[in-house]
Amino acid sequence: MTTNPYEFTFDAARQAFASMADALKTFQVPQPARDFVKRVAQDAAARAETIHAGTERATAAIETTVTEQVDETAKISRNIQQALLEDAQAFFTGVDKLASAQSLGEAFQVQSDIVRERIDVVMARTRATADYIGERFATSAKTAQENFSEVVSANKAA
């Protein structure tokens, strides 16, 4: 009859550690140690929730910023398209007026009126663009400051 050398090794190990296993079965962990572990686990869970809430706020702030930028980009694109249409319409209206002129003096007057109107339009667009850029910078700075303070306060709470 041959014995399996692995079984012999496992039996020897079980017998060697049997007394230690019996001692560990009856070992009692003191109540203060269990309370300490529970408090640490609860504190860690609360910190994890706080960190999670902070990251959620940061993600929402980033999402809002990106969404606003996409909206603003679309708005700018629409305004540019509208300006191009208005410029084309003004050009063809000017060509029509010039074609209707009966004399060289009248054509010169029509051309002068067209140039004056276009300069007025360019100046109005320039003012509107400057106002828009100033407004966007102010809004962006305010939003960035608010988002930064939220993230910092969330990190301090964690």
N, C-alpha and C. Protein backbone atom coordinates (compact mmCIF):
# COMPACT_ATOMS: atom_id res chain seq x y z
N MET A 1 0.84 -1.17 0.00
CA MET A 1 0.00 0.00 0.00
C MET A 1 0.89 1.24 0.00
N THR A 2 0.68 2.06 -0.99
CA THR A 2 1.49 3.28 -1.10
C THR A 2 0.66 4.46 -0.64
N THR A 3 1.30 5.37 0.02
CA THR A 3 0.60 6.58 0.47
C THR A 3 1.00 7.74 -0.41
N ASN A 4 0.05 8.60 -0.58
CA ASN A 4 0.27 9.79 -1.38
C ASN A 4 1.14 10.75 -0.58
N PRO A 5 2.28 11.17 -1.13
CA PRO A 5 3.18 12.05 -0.35
C PRO A 5 2.53 13.40 -0.04
N TYR A 6 1.58 13.84 -0.90
CA TYR A 6 0.92 15.12 -0.63
C TYR A 6 -0.01 15.00 0.56
N GLU A 7 -0.74 13.90 0.66
CA GLU A 7 -1.64 13.71 1.79
C GLU A 7 -0.85 13.67 3.09
N PHE A 8 0.29 13.00 3.05
CA PHE A 8 1.13 12.93 4.25
C PHE A 8 1.57 14.34 4.66
N THR A 9 1.96 15.17 3.72
CA THR A 9 2.41 16.53 4.01
C THR A 9 1.27 17.38 4.57
N PHE A 10 0.08 17.27 3.95
CA PHE A 10 -1.06 18.03 4.44
C PHE A 10 -1.48 17.59 5.83
N ASP A 11 -1.48 16.29 6.10
CA ASP A 11 -1.82 15.80 7.43
C ASP A 11 -0.83 16.32 8.46
N ALA A 12 0.44 16.31 8.12
CA ALA A 12 1.46 16.80 9.04
C ALA A 12 1.24 18.28 9.33
N ALA A 13 0.92 19.05 8.31
CA ALA A 13 0.69 20.49 8.50
C ALA A 13 -0.54 20.72 9.35
N ARG A 14 -1.63 19.97 9.10
CA ARG A 14 -2.85 20.11 9.90
C ARG A 14 -2.57 19.81 11.37
N GLN A 15 -1.83 18.76 11.61
CA GLN A 15 -1.53 18.38 13.01
C GLN A 15 -0.66 19.45 13.67
N ALA A 16 0.29 20.01 12.93
CA ALA A 16 1.19 21.01 13.50
C ALA A 16 0.44 22.28 13.87
N PHE A 17 -0.54 22.67 13.05
CA PHE A 17 -1.25 23.91 13.29
C PHE A 17 -2.60 23.72 13.97
N ALA A 18 -2.93 22.51 14.35
CA ALA A 18 -4.22 22.22 14.98
C ALA A 18 -4.39 22.99 16.28
N SER A 19 -3.36 23.02 17.11
CA SER A 19 -3.48 23.72 18.39
C SER A 19 -3.64 25.23 18.16
N MET A 20 -2.96 25.78 17.15
CA MET A 20 -3.10 27.21 16.86
C MET A 20 -4.51 27.50 16.33
N ALA A 21 -5.03 26.63 15.50
CA ALA A 21 -6.38 26.82 14.96
C ALA A 21 -7.41 26.77 16.08
N ASP A 22 -7.24 25.85 17.03
CA ASP A 22 -8.16 25.77 18.17
C ASP A 22 -8.08 27.03 19.02
N ALA A 23 -6.89 27.56 19.19
CA ALA A 23 -6.72 28.78 19.99
C ALA A 23 -7.38 29.97 19.30
N LEU A 24 -7.26 30.05 17.98
CA LEU A 24 -7.87 31.16 17.25
C LEU A 24 -9.39 31.08 17.25
N LYS A 25 -9.95 29.86 17.36
CA LYS A 25 -11.40 29.71 17.39
C LYS A 25 -11.99 30.31 18.66
N THR A 26 -11.26 30.25 19.72
CA THR A 26 -11.77 30.75 21.00
C THR A 26 -11.25 32.16 21.33
N PHE A 27 -10.42 32.74 20.47
CA PHE A 27 -9.87 34.07 20.72
C PHE A 27 -10.97 35.13 20.63
N GLN A 28 -11.06 36.01 21.61
CA GLN A 28 -12.06 37.08 21.66
C GLN A 28 -11.40 38.42 21.37
N VAL A 29 -11.98 39.17 20.41
CA VAL A 29 -11.49 40.51 20.09
C VAL A 29 -12.15 41.47 21.07
N PRO A 30 -11.37 42.30 21.75
CA PRO A 30 -11.94 43.23 22.73
C PRO A 30 -12.93 44.21 22.07
N GLN A 31 -13.96 44.58 22.81
CA GLN A 31 -15.00 45.48 22.31
C GLN A 31 -14.43 46.83 21.86
N PRO A 32 -13.52 47.46 22.59
CA PRO A 32 -12.98 48.74 22.11
C PRO A 32 -12.29 48.61 20.74
N ALA A 33 -11.63 47.50 20.51
CA ALA A 33 -10.98 47.29 19.20
C ALA A 33 -12.03 47.18 18.11
N ARG A 34 -13.12 46.49 18.37
CA ARG A 34 -14.19 46.36 17.37
C ARG A 34 -14.85 47.71 17.13
N ASP A 35 -15.08 48.49 18.20
CA ASP A 35 -15.66 49.83 18.06
C ASP A 35 -14.76 50.75 17.23
N PHE A 36 -13.45 50.65 17.50
CA PHE A 36 -12.49 51.45 16.75
C PHE A 36 -12.54 51.12 15.26
N VAL A 37 -12.57 49.87 14.93
CA VAL A 37 -12.62 49.45 13.53
C VAL A 37 -13.91 49.94 12.88
N LYS A 38 -15.03 49.86 13.61
CA LYS A 38 -16.30 50.34 13.07
C LYS A 38 -16.25 51.85 12.80
N ARG A 39 -15.70 52.62 13.74
CA ARG A 39 -15.61 54.08 13.57
C ARG A 39 -14.73 54.43 12.37
N VAL A 40 -13.61 53.75 12.26
CA VAL A 40 -12.71 54.01 11.14
C VAL A 40 -13.41 53.71 9.81
N ALA A 41 -14.13 52.61 9.76
CA ALA A 41 -14.84 52.23 8.54
C ALA A 41 -15.94 53.25 8.22
N GLN A 42 -16.66 53.70 9.24
CA GLN A 42 -17.72 54.70 9.02
C GLN A 42 -17.12 56.03 8.55
N ASP A 43 -16.02 56.46 9.17
CA ASP A 43 -15.36 57.70 8.76
C ASP A 43 -14.86 57.60 7.31
N ALA A 44 -14.27 56.47 6.99
CA ALA A 44 -13.78 56.27 5.62
C ALA A 44 -14.93 56.28 4.62
N ALA A 45 -16.05 55.68 4.97
CA ALA A 45 -17.21 55.67 4.08
C ALA A 45 -17.75 57.10 3.90
N ALA A 46 -17.79 57.87 4.99
CA ALA A 46 -18.27 59.25 4.91
C ALA A 46 -17.33 60.09 4.04
N ARG A 47 -16.03 59.89 4.18
CA ARG A 47 -15.07 60.63 3.36
C ARG A 47 -15.21 60.24 1.89
N ALA A 48 -15.42 58.97 1.64
CA ALA A 48 -15.60 58.52 0.25
C ALA A 48 -16.84 59.17 -0.36
N GLU A 49 -17.91 59.27 0.42
CA GLU A 49 -19.13 59.92 -0.07
C GLU A 49 -18.90 61.41 -0.33
N THR A 50 -18.15 62.05 0.56
CA THR A 50 -17.84 63.47 0.39
C THR A 50 -16.99 63.69 -0.86
N ILE A 51 -16.00 62.85 -1.04
CA ILE A 51 -15.15 62.96 -2.23
C ILE A 51 -15.98 62.71 -3.48
N HIS A 52 -16.84 61.72 -3.42
CA HIS A 52 -17.69 61.42 -4.57
C HIS A 52 -18.59 62.62 -4.90
N ALA A 53 -19.17 63.22 -3.88
CA ALA A 53 -20.04 64.39 -4.09
C ALA A 53 -19.22 65.54 -4.69
N GLY A 54 -18.00 65.72 -4.21
CA GLY A 54 -17.14 66.77 -4.77
C GLY A 54 -16.80 66.52 -6.23
N THR A 55 -16.50 65.29 -6.57
CA THR A 55 -16.19 64.99 -7.96
C THR A 55 -17.43 65.12 -8.84
N GLU A 56 -18.58 64.80 -8.28
CA GLU A 56 -19.83 65.00 -9.03
C GLU A 56 -20.06 66.48 -9.32
N ARG A 57 -19.81 67.34 -8.31
CA ARG A 57 -19.96 68.78 -8.51
C ARG A 57 -18.96 69.29 -9.55
N ALA A 58 -17.72 68.80 -9.46
CA ALA A 58 -16.71 69.22 -10.43
C ALA A 58 -17.10 68.78 -11.84
N THR A 59 -17.58 67.55 -11.97
CA THR A 59 -18.00 67.05 -13.28
C THR A 59 -19.18 67.86 -13.81
N ALA A 60 -20.12 68.18 -12.94
CA ALA A 60 -21.27 68.99 -13.36
C ALA A 60 -20.81 70.38 -13.80
N ALA A 61 -19.85 70.94 -13.09
CA ALA A 61 -19.34 72.26 -13.46
C ALA A 61 -18.66 72.21 -14.83
N ILE A 62 -17.87 71.16 -15.05
CA ILE A 62 -17.20 71.01 -16.35
C ILE A 62 -18.24 70.82 -17.45
N GLU A 63 -19.24 69.99 -17.16
CA GLU A 63 -20.30 69.74 -18.14
C GLU A 63 -21.04 71.03 -18.49
N THR A 64 -21.35 71.81 -17.47
CA THR A 64 -22.04 73.09 -17.70
C THR A 64 -21.18 74.01 -18.54
N THR A 65 -19.90 74.09 -18.21
CA THR A 65 -18.99 74.96 -18.95
C THR A 65 -18.89 74.54 -20.41
N VAL A 66 -18.74 73.24 -20.63
CA VAL A 66 -18.62 72.75 -22.01
C VAL A 66 -19.92 72.99 -22.78
N THR A 67 -21.04 72.74 -22.13
CA THR A 67 -22.34 72.96 -22.77
C THR A 67 -22.51 74.43 -23.13
N GLU A 68 -22.15 75.30 -22.20
CA GLU A 68 -22.25 76.73 -22.48
C GLU A 68 -21.35 77.13 -23.65
N GLN A 69 -20.15 76.56 -23.70
CA GLN A 69 -19.23 76.88 -24.79
C GLN A 69 -19.78 76.40 -26.14
N VAL A 70 -20.36 75.22 -26.15
CA VAL A 70 -20.96 74.72 -27.40
C VAL A 70 -22.12 75.61 -27.82
N ASP A 71 -22.96 75.99 -26.85
CA ASP A 71 -24.08 76.89 -27.15
C ASP A 71 -23.58 78.23 -27.70
N GLU A 72 -22.55 78.77 -27.07
CA GLU A 72 -22.01 80.05 -27.50
C GLU A 72 -21.38 79.93 -28.88
N THR A 73 -20.70 78.82 -29.15
CA THR A 73 -20.10 78.61 -30.47
C THR A 73 -21.18 78.55 -31.54
N ALA A 74 -22.27 77.86 -31.24
CA ALA A 74 -23.39 77.79 -32.18
C ALA A 74 -24.00 79.17 -32.40
N LYS A 75 -24.13 79.94 -31.31
CA LYS A 75 -24.68 81.29 -31.41
C LYS A 75 -23.80 82.18 -32.28
N ILE A 76 -22.48 82.07 -32.07
CA ILE A 76 -21.54 82.86 -32.87
C ILE A 76 -21.64 82.46 -34.34
N SER A 77 -21.70 81.18 -34.59
CA SER A 77 -21.81 80.69 -35.96
C SER A 77 -23.08 81.21 -36.64
N ARG A 78 -24.19 81.17 -35.92
CA ARG A 78 -25.45 81.69 -36.48
C ARG A 78 -25.35 83.19 -36.77
N ASN A 79 -24.74 83.92 -35.85
CA ASN A 79 -24.59 85.37 -36.06
C ASN A 79 -23.71 85.67 -37.27
N ILE A 80 -22.64 84.89 -37.44
CA ILE A 80 -21.77 85.08 -38.60
C ILE A 80 -22.55 84.78 -39.89
N GLN A 81 -23.30 83.69 -39.87
CA GLN A 81 -24.09 83.33 -41.05
C GLN A 81 -25.11 84.43 -41.37
N GLN A 82 -25.74 84.97 -40.33
CA GLN A 82 -26.72 86.05 -40.54
C GLN A 82 -26.04 87.28 -41.10
N ALA A 83 -24.85 87.61 -40.58
CA ALA A 83 -24.12 88.79 -41.07
C ALA A 83 -23.72 88.59 -42.54
N LEU A 84 -23.30 87.39 -42.89
CA LEU A 84 -22.94 87.12 -44.29
C LEU A 84 -24.16 87.28 -45.20
N LEU A 85 -25.30 86.80 -44.75
CA LEU A 85 -26.53 86.95 -45.53
C LEU A 85 -26.88 88.43 -45.69
N GLU A 86 -26.82 89.17 -44.59
CA GLU A 86 -27.14 90.60 -44.65
C GLU A 86 -26.18 91.34 -45.58
N ASP A 87 -24.88 90.96 -45.52
CA ASP A 87 -23.90 91.60 -46.40
C ASP A 87 -24.20 91.29 -47.87
N ALA A 88 -24.54 90.06 -48.15
CA ALA A 88 -24.87 89.69 -49.54
C ALA A 88 -26.12 90.43 -50.01
N GLN A 89 -27.13 90.50 -49.14
CA GLN A 89 -28.34 91.22 -49.51
C GLN A 89 -28.05 92.70 -49.75
N ALA A 90 -27.23 93.29 -48.89
CA ALA A 90 -26.88 94.71 -49.04
C ALA A 90 -26.10 94.93 -50.34
N PHE A 91 -25.21 94.00 -50.65
CA PHE A 91 -24.43 94.13 -51.88
C PHE A 91 -25.35 94.12 -53.10
N PHE A 92 -26.27 93.14 -53.15
CA PHE A 92 -27.15 93.04 -54.32
C PHE A 92 -28.16 94.19 -54.38
N THR A 93 -28.58 94.68 -53.23
CA THR A 93 -29.44 95.86 -53.20
C THR A 93 -28.67 97.07 -53.74
N GLY A 94 -27.40 97.19 -53.34
CA GLY A 94 -26.56 98.28 -53.84
C GLY A 94 -26.34 98.19 -55.33
N VAL A 95 -26.10 96.97 -55.82
CA VAL A 95 -25.93 96.80 -57.26
C VAL A 95 -27.20 97.20 -57.99
N ASP A 96 -28.35 96.83 -57.44
CA ASP A 96 -29.64 97.18 -58.05
C ASP A 96 -29.82 98.71 -58.07
N LYS A 97 -29.48 99.36 -56.96
CA LYS A 97 -29.61 100.83 -56.89
C LYS A 97 -28.66 101.50 -57.89
N LEU A 98 -27.43 100.98 -57.96
CA LEU A 98 -26.47 101.56 -58.91
C LEU A 98 -26.95 101.37 -60.35
N ALA A 99 -27.54 100.21 -60.61
CA ALA A 99 -28.03 99.96 -61.97
C ALA A 99 -29.20 100.87 -62.30
N SER A 100 -29.92 101.33 -61.29
CA SER A 100 -31.08 102.20 -61.51
C SER A 100 -30.70 103.66 -61.64
N ALA A 101 -29.45 104.00 -61.36
CA ALA A 101 -29.03 105.41 -61.41
C ALA A 101 -29.10 105.93 -62.84
N GLN A 102 -29.61 107.18 -63.00
CA GLN A 102 -29.79 107.78 -64.32
C GLN A 102 -28.57 108.58 -64.77
N SER A 103 -27.74 108.97 -63.78
CA SER A 103 -26.58 109.78 -64.15
C SER A 103 -25.38 109.37 -63.32
N LEU A 104 -24.24 109.89 -63.74
CA LEU A 104 -23.00 109.59 -63.01
C LEU A 104 -23.04 110.20 -61.61
N GLY A 105 -23.61 111.37 -61.47
CA GLY A 105 -23.74 112.02 -60.16
C GLY A 105 -24.64 111.23 -59.24
N GLU A 106 -25.75 110.74 -59.80
CA GLU A 106 -26.67 109.92 -58.99
C GLU A 106 -25.99 108.61 -58.60
N ALA A 107 -25.23 108.00 -59.49
CA ALA A 107 -24.50 106.76 -59.19
C ALA A 107 -23.47 107.00 -58.08
N PHE A 108 -22.77 108.18 -58.18
CA PHE A 108 -21.80 108.52 -57.14
C PHE A 108 -22.48 108.69 -55.79
N GLN A 109 -23.65 109.33 -55.78
CA GLN A 109 -24.41 109.52 -54.54
C GLN A 109 -24.86 108.17 -53.98
N VAL A 110 -25.36 107.27 -54.83
CA VAL A 110 -25.79 105.93 -54.39
C VAL A 110 -24.60 105.18 -53.81
N GLN A 111 -23.46 105.26 -54.50
CA GLN A 111 -22.26 104.57 -54.01
C GLN A 111 -21.83 105.14 -52.66
N SER A 112 -21.88 106.44 -52.50
CA SER A 112 -21.52 107.06 -51.21
C SER A 112 -22.47 106.61 -50.10
N ASP A 113 -23.75 106.56 -50.41
CA ASP A 113 -24.74 106.09 -49.42
C ASP A 113 -24.48 104.64 -49.03
N ILE A 114 -24.17 103.82 -50.02
CA ILE A 114 -23.89 102.40 -49.74
C ILE A 114 -22.67 102.26 -48.83
N VAL A 115 -21.60 102.97 -49.15
CA VAL A 115 -20.38 102.91 -48.33
C VAL A 115 -20.67 103.39 -46.92
N ARG A 116 -21.41 104.49 -46.77
CA ARG A 116 -21.74 105.02 -45.44
C ARG A 116 -22.56 103.99 -44.64
N GLU A 117 -23.55 103.39 -45.29
CA GLU A 117 -24.36 102.36 -44.62
C GLU A 117 -23.51 101.18 -44.17
N ARG A 118 -22.62 100.74 -45.05
CA ARG A 118 -21.77 99.59 -44.71
C ARG A 118 -20.81 99.93 -43.56
N ILE A 119 -20.28 101.15 -43.54
CA ILE A 119 -19.41 101.57 -42.45
C ILE A 119 -20.19 101.58 -41.14
N ASP A 120 -21.43 102.09 -41.19
CA ASP A 120 -22.28 102.08 -39.99
C ASP A 120 -22.52 100.65 -39.50
N VAL A 121 -22.77 99.75 -40.44
CA VAL A 121 -23.00 98.35 -40.07
C VAL A 121 -21.74 97.75 -39.45
N VAL A 122 -20.59 98.01 -40.06
CA VAL A 122 -19.32 97.48 -39.53
C VAL A 122 -19.06 98.03 -38.13
N MET A 123 -19.30 99.31 -37.93
CA MET A 123 -19.08 99.90 -36.60
C MET A 123 -20.03 99.30 -35.57
N ALA A 124 -21.29 99.11 -35.94
CA ALA A 124 -22.26 98.51 -35.01
C ALA A 124 -21.85 97.08 -34.67
N ARG A 125 -21.39 96.33 -35.66
CA ARG A 125 -20.94 94.94 -35.42
C ARG A 125 -19.70 94.93 -34.53
N THR A 126 -18.80 95.87 -34.76
CA THR A 126 -17.58 95.94 -33.95
C THR A 126 -17.92 96.24 -32.49
N ARG A 127 -18.83 97.20 -32.26
CA ARG A 127 -19.26 97.51 -30.89
C ARG A 127 -19.94 96.29 -30.25
N ALA A 128 -20.82 95.66 -31.01
CA ALA A 128 -21.53 94.48 -30.49
C ALA A 128 -20.55 93.35 -30.17
N THR A 129 -19.55 93.16 -31.01
CA THR A 129 -18.55 92.12 -30.78
C THR A 129 -17.73 92.43 -29.53
N ALA A 130 -17.31 93.67 -29.39
CA ALA A 130 -16.54 94.07 -28.20
C ALA A 130 -17.38 93.88 -26.93
N ASP A 131 -18.63 94.29 -26.98
CA ASP A 131 -19.51 94.11 -25.81
C ASP A 131 -19.68 92.63 -25.50
N TYR A 132 -19.88 91.83 -26.53
CA TYR A 132 -20.07 90.39 -26.36
C TYR A 132 -18.83 89.74 -25.75
N ILE A 133 -17.66 90.10 -26.27
CA ILE A 133 -16.42 89.51 -25.75
C ILE A 133 -16.22 89.92 -24.29
N GLY A 134 -16.47 91.17 -23.97
CA GLY A 134 -16.34 91.62 -22.58
C GLY A 134 -17.30 90.88 -21.66
N GLU A 135 -18.52 90.70 -22.12
CA GLU A 135 -19.53 89.97 -21.34
C GLU A 135 -19.11 88.51 -21.14
N ARG A 136 -18.60 87.88 -22.20
CA ARG A 136 -18.19 86.48 -22.10
C ARG A 136 -17.00 86.31 -21.15
N PHE A 137 -16.04 87.24 -21.22
CA PHE A 137 -14.91 87.17 -20.31
C PHE A 137 -15.37 87.30 -18.86
N ALA A 138 -16.25 88.24 -18.61
CA ALA A 138 -16.75 88.45 -17.25
C ALA A 138 -17.52 87.23 -16.76
N THR A 139 -18.39 86.70 -17.62
CA THR A 139 -19.17 85.52 -17.24
C THR A 139 -18.27 84.31 -17.03
N SER A 140 -17.32 84.12 -17.93
CA SER A 140 -16.40 82.98 -17.81
C SER A 140 -15.55 83.08 -16.55
N ALA A 141 -15.08 84.27 -16.25
CA ALA A 141 -14.27 84.45 -15.04
C ALA A 141 -15.08 84.17 -13.79
N LYS A 142 -16.31 84.66 -13.78
CA LYS A 142 -17.19 84.43 -12.62
C LYS A 142 -17.48 82.94 -12.47
N THR A 143 -17.81 82.26 -13.56
CA THR A 143 -18.10 80.83 -13.53
C THR A 143 -16.88 80.04 -13.08
N ALA A 144 -15.72 80.38 -13.62
CA ALA A 144 -14.50 79.68 -13.24
C ALA A 144 -14.20 79.87 -11.75
N GLN A 145 -14.40 81.07 -11.26
CA GLN A 145 -14.17 81.35 -9.84
C GLN A 145 -15.14 80.55 -8.97
N GLU A 146 -16.41 80.50 -9.35
CA GLU A 146 -17.40 79.74 -8.60
C GLU A 146 -17.07 78.25 -8.60
N ASN A 147 -16.72 77.72 -9.77
CA ASN A 147 -16.38 76.31 -9.88
C ASN A 147 -15.15 75.97 -9.05
N PHE A 148 -14.14 76.84 -9.11
CA PHE A 148 -12.92 76.61 -8.35
C PHE A 148 -13.19 76.64 -6.86
N SER A 149 -14.01 77.58 -6.41
CA SER A 149 -14.30 77.66 -4.97
C SER A 149 -15.12 76.45 -4.52
N GLU A 150 -16.01 75.94 -5.38
CA GLU A 150 -16.77 74.73 -5.03
C GLU A 150 -15.85 73.53 -4.88
N VAL A 151 -14.91 73.38 -5.82
CA VAL A 151 -13.99 72.25 -5.77
C VAL A 151 -13.10 72.35 -4.54
N VAL A 152 -12.60 73.56 -4.27
CA VAL A 152 -11.73 73.76 -3.11
C VAL A 152 -12.49 73.48 -1.81
N SER A 153 -13.72 73.97 -1.70
CA SER A 153 -14.48 73.73 -0.47
C SER A 153 -14.84 72.27 -0.33
N ALA A 154 -15.08 71.58 -1.44
CA ALA A 154 -15.37 70.14 -1.37
C ALA A 154 -14.13 69.37 -0.94
N ASN A 155 -12.97 69.80 -1.39
CA ASN A 155 -11.73 69.12 -0.99
C ASN A 155 -11.41 69.40 0.47
N LYS A 156 -11.72 70.60 0.96
CA LYS A 156 -11.48 70.90 2.37
C LYS A 156 -12.39 70.06 3.26
N ALA A 157 -13.63 69.85 2.79
CA ALA A 157 -14.58 69.04 3.57
C ALA A 157 -14.15 67.58 3.62
N ALA A 158 -13.48 67.13 2.56
CA ALA A 158 -13.03 65.73 2.53
C ALA A 158 -11.85 65.60 3.43
